[in-house]
N, C-alpha and C. Protein backbone atom coordinates (compact mmCIF):
# COMPACT_ATOMS: atom_id res chain seq x y z
N MET A 1 -17.81 -33.84 -40.62
CA MET A 1 -18.46 -33.20 -39.53
C MET A 1 -17.96 -31.71 -39.70
N PRO A 2 -19.29 -30.96 -39.60
CA PRO A 2 -19.10 -29.32 -39.79
C PRO A 2 -18.41 -28.79 -38.58
N SER A 3 -17.48 -28.03 -38.92
CA SER A 3 -16.67 -27.31 -37.95
C SER A 3 -17.38 -26.09 -37.16
N ASN A 4 -18.47 -25.69 -37.34
CA ASN A 4 -19.07 -24.49 -36.76
C ASN A 4 -20.22 -25.21 -35.89
N ILE A 5 -20.72 -24.35 -34.81
CA ILE A 5 -21.72 -24.86 -34.00
C ILE A 5 -22.94 -25.12 -34.71
N ALA A 6 -23.38 -24.20 -35.43
CA ALA A 6 -24.73 -24.25 -36.05
C ALA A 6 -24.86 -25.53 -37.13
N GLY A 7 -23.87 -25.84 -37.83
CA GLY A 7 -23.61 -27.03 -38.48
C GLY A 7 -23.74 -28.35 -37.60
N ARG A 8 -23.05 -28.40 -36.49
CA ARG A 8 -23.14 -29.49 -35.57
C ARG A 8 -24.68 -29.69 -35.00
N VAL A 9 -25.35 -28.80 -34.67
CA VAL A 9 -26.59 -28.75 -34.12
C VAL A 9 -27.58 -29.29 -35.17
N LEU A 10 -27.44 -28.74 -36.39
CA LEU A 10 -28.26 -28.98 -37.59
C LEU A 10 -27.98 -30.55 -37.81
N LEU A 11 -26.63 -31.12 -37.89
CA LEU A 11 -26.41 -32.36 -38.18
C LEU A 11 -27.17 -33.35 -37.23
N ASN A 12 -26.94 -32.76 -35.98
CA ASN A 12 -27.43 -33.64 -34.80
C ASN A 12 -28.86 -33.99 -34.73
N THR A 13 -29.61 -32.57 -35.26
CA THR A 13 -31.02 -32.56 -35.19
C THR A 13 -31.67 -33.37 -36.23
N PHE A 14 -31.18 -33.09 -37.64
CA PHE A 14 -31.98 -33.63 -38.50
C PHE A 14 -31.42 -34.89 -39.29
N VAL A 15 -30.01 -35.23 -39.23
CA VAL A 15 -29.47 -36.44 -39.72
C VAL A 15 -29.75 -37.52 -38.59
N ASN A 16 -29.50 -37.19 -37.34
CA ASN A 16 -29.55 -38.35 -36.45
C ASN A 16 -30.85 -38.48 -35.89
N GLY A 17 -31.93 -37.68 -36.21
CA GLY A 17 -33.31 -37.82 -35.87
C GLY A 17 -33.58 -37.57 -34.41
N ALA A 18 -33.01 -36.54 -33.99
CA ALA A 18 -33.22 -35.94 -32.44
C ALA A 18 -34.34 -35.21 -32.32
N GLY A 19 -34.93 -34.73 -33.42
CA GLY A 19 -35.94 -33.69 -33.51
C GLY A 19 -35.33 -32.20 -33.52
N PRO A 20 -36.41 -31.34 -33.33
CA PRO A 20 -35.86 -29.93 -33.29
C PRO A 20 -35.32 -29.56 -31.75
N PRO A 21 -34.34 -28.79 -31.86
CA PRO A 21 -33.52 -28.36 -30.75
C PRO A 21 -34.45 -27.70 -29.72
N SER A 22 -34.64 -27.90 -28.50
CA SER A 22 -35.15 -27.22 -27.26
C SER A 22 -34.31 -26.34 -26.90
N VAL A 23 -34.74 -25.01 -26.63
CA VAL A 23 -33.95 -24.00 -26.01
C VAL A 23 -33.65 -24.33 -24.53
N TRP A 24 -34.73 -25.08 -23.89
CA TRP A 24 -34.48 -25.17 -22.58
C TRP A 24 -33.94 -26.59 -22.20
N GLY A 25 -34.07 -27.40 -23.24
CA GLY A 25 -33.64 -28.83 -23.14
C GLY A 25 -32.26 -29.12 -23.06
N SER A 26 -31.88 -30.35 -22.89
CA SER A 26 -30.47 -30.57 -22.80
C SER A 26 -29.77 -30.82 -24.20
N GLN A 27 -30.34 -30.59 -25.16
CA GLN A 27 -29.67 -30.89 -26.55
C GLN A 27 -28.69 -29.72 -26.82
N LEU A 28 -28.77 -28.50 -26.27
CA LEU A 28 -28.03 -27.49 -26.75
C LEU A 28 -27.02 -27.12 -25.52
N PRO A 29 -25.85 -27.10 -25.82
CA PRO A 29 -24.84 -26.96 -24.66
C PRO A 29 -25.08 -25.72 -23.92
N VAL A 30 -24.70 -25.64 -22.77
CA VAL A 30 -24.99 -24.55 -22.02
C VAL A 30 -23.52 -23.66 -21.97
N PHE A 31 -22.58 -24.42 -21.97
CA PHE A 31 -21.20 -23.90 -22.00
C PHE A 31 -20.42 -24.27 -23.38
N VAL A 32 -20.20 -23.26 -24.07
CA VAL A 32 -19.61 -23.27 -25.54
C VAL A 32 -18.15 -22.90 -25.31
N PRO A 33 -17.10 -23.65 -25.52
CA PRO A 33 -15.81 -23.57 -25.53
C PRO A 33 -15.48 -22.49 -26.47
N LEU A 34 -14.41 -21.50 -26.25
CA LEU A 34 -14.05 -20.34 -27.15
C LEU A 34 -13.32 -21.04 -28.30
N SER A 35 -12.84 -22.22 -28.51
CA SER A 35 -12.47 -22.50 -29.74
C SER A 35 -13.59 -22.94 -30.88
N SER A 36 -14.65 -23.30 -30.28
CA SER A 36 -15.78 -23.53 -31.19
C SER A 36 -16.33 -21.99 -31.74
N VAL A 37 -16.21 -21.01 -30.72
CA VAL A 37 -16.86 -19.84 -31.15
C VAL A 37 -15.76 -19.40 -32.32
N ALA A 38 -14.51 -19.56 -31.90
CA ALA A 38 -13.62 -19.15 -32.97
C ALA A 38 -13.73 -19.60 -34.47
N ASP A 39 -14.23 -21.23 -34.23
CA ASP A 39 -14.48 -21.92 -35.62
C ASP A 39 -15.55 -21.31 -36.18
N ALA A 40 -16.70 -20.79 -35.52
CA ALA A 40 -17.81 -20.48 -36.12
C ALA A 40 -17.74 -19.08 -36.69
N LEU A 41 -16.53 -18.47 -36.61
CA LEU A 41 -16.27 -17.00 -37.30
C LEU A 41 -15.61 -17.33 -38.57
N SER A 42 -15.91 -18.19 -39.42
CA SER A 42 -15.21 -18.51 -40.57
C SER A 42 -16.08 -17.76 -41.67
N PHE A 43 -15.34 -16.82 -42.53
CA PHE A 43 -16.17 -15.85 -43.55
C PHE A 43 -15.57 -16.49 -44.80
N PRO A 44 -16.35 -16.22 -45.90
CA PRO A 44 -15.99 -16.60 -47.13
C PRO A 44 -14.93 -15.64 -47.68
N PRO A 45 -13.84 -16.09 -48.42
CA PRO A 45 -12.63 -15.11 -48.77
C PRO A 45 -13.10 -14.15 -49.68
N TRP A 46 -14.28 -13.94 -50.40
CA TRP A 46 -14.96 -12.95 -51.21
C TRP A 46 -15.50 -11.91 -50.31
N LEU A 47 -15.72 -11.90 -49.07
CA LEU A 47 -16.52 -10.94 -48.21
C LEU A 47 -15.76 -9.74 -48.39
N GLY A 48 -14.37 -9.78 -48.00
CA GLY A 48 -13.56 -8.50 -48.08
C GLY A 48 -13.69 -7.78 -49.32
N THR A 49 -13.71 -8.41 -50.42
CA THR A 49 -13.79 -7.63 -51.66
C THR A 49 -15.20 -7.10 -51.96
N ALA A 50 -16.24 -7.86 -51.45
CA ALA A 50 -17.64 -7.47 -51.67
C ALA A 50 -17.89 -6.11 -50.59
N THR A 51 -17.13 -6.05 -49.54
CA THR A 51 -17.23 -4.95 -48.46
C THR A 51 -16.46 -3.66 -49.30
N VAL A 52 -15.45 -3.90 -49.83
CA VAL A 52 -14.72 -2.88 -50.39
C VAL A 52 -15.50 -2.34 -51.75
N LEU A 53 -16.00 -3.27 -52.51
CA LEU A 53 -17.03 -2.71 -53.45
C LEU A 53 -18.26 -1.98 -53.06
N ALA A 54 -18.81 -2.43 -52.13
CA ALA A 54 -20.00 -1.66 -51.18
C ALA A 54 -19.67 -0.64 -50.91
N GLY A 55 -18.59 -0.38 -50.41
CA GLY A 55 -18.16 0.84 -49.75
C GLY A 55 -17.67 1.83 -50.73
N LEU A 56 -17.09 1.46 -51.65
CA LEU A 56 -16.97 2.44 -52.81
C LEU A 56 -18.39 2.96 -53.50
N CYS A 57 -19.16 2.12 -53.61
CA CYS A 57 -20.57 2.41 -54.05
C CYS A 57 -21.32 3.44 -53.18
N VAL A 58 -21.19 3.10 -51.96
CA VAL A 58 -21.82 4.15 -50.95
C VAL A 58 -21.02 5.42 -50.90
N LEU A 59 -19.69 5.26 -51.05
CA LEU A 59 -18.98 6.48 -51.31
C LEU A 59 -19.32 7.30 -52.37
N GLY A 60 -19.50 6.77 -53.52
CA GLY A 60 -19.71 7.45 -54.71
C GLY A 60 -21.19 8.02 -54.44
N ILE A 61 -22.35 7.52 -54.26
CA ILE A 61 -23.54 7.81 -53.88
C ILE A 61 -23.61 8.94 -52.83
N GLY A 62 -22.87 8.82 -51.76
CA GLY A 62 -22.80 9.90 -50.68
C GLY A 62 -22.12 11.12 -51.28
N SER A 63 -21.06 11.01 -52.01
CA SER A 63 -20.42 12.32 -52.39
C SER A 63 -21.12 12.82 -53.40
N MET A 64 -22.00 12.07 -54.18
CA MET A 64 -22.91 12.87 -55.23
C MET A 64 -24.01 13.55 -54.42
N ALA A 65 -24.48 12.96 -53.50
CA ALA A 65 -25.54 13.63 -52.65
C ALA A 65 -25.08 14.82 -51.73
N TRP A 66 -23.76 14.81 -51.36
CA TRP A 66 -23.32 15.85 -50.58
C TRP A 66 -22.79 16.99 -51.50
N MET A 67 -22.35 16.96 -52.76
CA MET A 67 -21.98 17.95 -53.64
C MET A 67 -23.23 18.52 -54.27
N SER A 68 -24.24 17.68 -54.44
CA SER A 68 -25.42 18.35 -55.28
C SER A 68 -26.68 18.69 -54.30
N ALA A 69 -26.33 18.64 -53.02
CA ALA A 69 -27.32 19.32 -51.94
C ALA A 69 -27.53 20.54 -51.96
N LEU A 70 -28.90 20.95 -51.83
CA LEU A 70 -29.26 22.38 -51.77
C LEU A 70 -29.41 22.99 -50.29
N GLY A 71 -29.98 21.84 -49.49
CA GLY A 71 -30.05 22.52 -47.97
C GLY A 71 -29.20 21.83 -47.08
N PRO A 72 -29.05 22.28 -45.96
CA PRO A 72 -28.13 21.88 -45.08
C PRO A 72 -28.53 20.44 -44.50
N LYS A 73 -29.76 19.94 -44.48
CA LYS A 73 -30.31 18.78 -43.85
C LYS A 73 -29.76 17.69 -45.00
N SER A 74 -29.88 17.83 -46.48
CA SER A 74 -29.32 16.98 -47.49
C SER A 74 -27.84 16.92 -47.32
N ARG A 75 -27.08 18.12 -47.09
CA ARG A 75 -25.81 17.99 -47.09
C ARG A 75 -25.23 17.03 -45.88
N MET A 76 -25.82 17.14 -44.95
CA MET A 76 -25.51 16.19 -43.72
C MET A 76 -25.97 14.77 -44.02
N TRP A 77 -26.89 14.61 -44.72
CA TRP A 77 -27.19 13.22 -45.01
C TRP A 77 -26.28 12.85 -46.00
N GLY A 78 -25.69 13.61 -46.89
CA GLY A 78 -24.59 13.23 -47.94
C GLY A 78 -23.30 12.93 -47.32
N GLN A 79 -23.08 13.97 -46.25
CA GLN A 79 -21.64 13.53 -45.56
C GLN A 79 -21.65 12.43 -44.66
N ARG A 80 -22.92 11.97 -43.98
CA ARG A 80 -22.99 10.89 -43.51
C ARG A 80 -22.69 9.71 -44.23
N THR A 81 -23.44 9.58 -45.40
CA THR A 81 -23.28 8.61 -46.34
C THR A 81 -21.83 8.47 -46.70
N THR A 82 -21.27 9.53 -47.23
CA THR A 82 -20.02 9.39 -47.64
C THR A 82 -18.79 8.70 -46.44
N LEU A 83 -19.18 9.28 -45.28
CA LEU A 83 -18.31 8.73 -44.19
C LEU A 83 -18.48 7.29 -44.09
N MET A 84 -19.70 6.85 -44.24
CA MET A 84 -20.08 5.23 -44.16
C MET A 84 -19.33 4.51 -45.26
N GLY A 85 -19.32 5.22 -46.49
CA GLY A 85 -18.64 4.42 -47.49
C GLY A 85 -17.27 4.36 -47.34
N VAL A 86 -16.60 5.48 -46.71
CA VAL A 86 -15.09 5.39 -46.47
C VAL A 86 -14.72 4.23 -45.61
N LEU A 87 -15.70 4.24 -44.27
CA LEU A 87 -15.60 3.13 -43.09
C LEU A 87 -15.70 1.84 -43.93
N LEU A 88 -16.80 1.74 -44.78
CA LEU A 88 -16.74 0.25 -45.30
C LEU A 88 -15.55 -0.06 -46.27
N THR A 89 -15.22 0.87 -47.04
CA THR A 89 -13.98 0.67 -47.87
C THR A 89 -12.69 0.23 -46.95
N ILE A 90 -12.36 0.93 -45.91
CA ILE A 90 -11.23 0.72 -44.97
C ILE A 90 -11.40 -0.67 -44.26
N VAL A 91 -12.75 -0.87 -43.94
CA VAL A 91 -12.85 -2.42 -43.34
C VAL A 91 -12.67 -3.44 -44.41
N GLY A 92 -13.16 -3.22 -45.51
CA GLY A 92 -13.03 -4.23 -46.62
C GLY A 92 -11.73 -4.19 -46.98
N PHE A 93 -10.69 -3.45 -46.94
CA PHE A 93 -9.42 -3.35 -47.16
C PHE A 93 -8.57 -4.36 -46.13
N GLY A 94 -9.04 -4.21 -44.86
CA GLY A 94 -8.45 -4.74 -43.70
C GLY A 94 -9.22 -5.87 -43.33
N PHE A 95 -10.05 -6.61 -44.18
CA PHE A 95 -10.97 -7.46 -43.73
C PHE A 95 -10.19 -8.76 -43.17
N ALA A 96 -9.17 -9.12 -43.91
CA ALA A 96 -8.39 -10.43 -43.62
C ALA A 96 -7.71 -10.05 -42.07
N THR A 97 -7.13 -9.12 -42.01
CA THR A 97 -6.51 -8.59 -40.82
C THR A 97 -7.39 -8.57 -39.63
N LEU A 98 -8.79 -8.12 -39.91
CA LEU A 98 -9.61 -8.08 -38.70
C LEU A 98 -10.09 -9.52 -38.22
N THR A 99 -10.24 -10.29 -39.37
CA THR A 99 -10.79 -11.63 -39.13
C THR A 99 -9.68 -12.44 -38.20
N THR A 100 -8.28 -12.17 -38.54
CA THR A 100 -7.30 -12.75 -37.87
C THR A 100 -7.24 -12.44 -36.60
N LEU A 101 -7.62 -11.14 -36.44
CA LEU A 101 -7.40 -10.41 -34.86
C LEU A 101 -8.54 -11.00 -34.21
N ILE A 102 -9.82 -11.09 -34.85
CA ILE A 102 -10.86 -11.71 -33.83
C ILE A 102 -10.63 -13.23 -33.53
N ARG A 103 -9.88 -13.93 -34.59
CA ARG A 103 -9.77 -15.30 -34.39
C ARG A 103 -8.69 -15.55 -33.28
N ASP A 104 -7.77 -14.73 -33.16
CA ASP A 104 -6.43 -14.89 -32.26
C ASP A 104 -7.00 -14.50 -30.87
N VAL A 105 -7.91 -13.36 -30.70
CA VAL A 105 -8.48 -13.11 -29.49
C VAL A 105 -9.42 -14.03 -28.78
N LEU A 106 -10.04 -14.83 -29.73
CA LEU A 106 -11.11 -15.85 -29.28
C LEU A 106 -10.57 -17.19 -29.19
N THR A 107 -9.34 -17.39 -29.56
CA THR A 107 -8.66 -18.75 -29.34
C THR A 107 -7.83 -18.76 -28.40
N PRO A 108 -8.03 -20.04 -27.31
CA PRO A 108 -7.44 -19.85 -26.18
C PRO A 108 -6.06 -20.18 -26.22
C-alpha cells in the first residue's frame, strides 16, 4: 500500500476500477489528516546532493556574469544569480535538517 496520498488515490482509481476521481465527488477526502500530509513529503535521498550541485553551478555562472559585466544592469543580474546560487547551496547542505523540521512540524 502506498504511503502517500497521491499513491492511494491512484491505487483506488485505477486498480480497483473506481474510475477517474471527481473533484466534487465523494471519492476524494475533504479532511486530510496531518500524518498523511507528512507522509506525502518524502523526498529521495539524492535530492540534497542535486540541490548542492545545482547551487554551485548557478553560483559559478552568476559570479562569472557578475565579474565580467560591463553595465550596471548586467552586474545586478550577476549579483542576483550569485545570491541564488549561494542560497541553493545552503539549502542543499541543510536539506536533511529541513525535511526533518517540516516532518516534525506536520506530525501531530
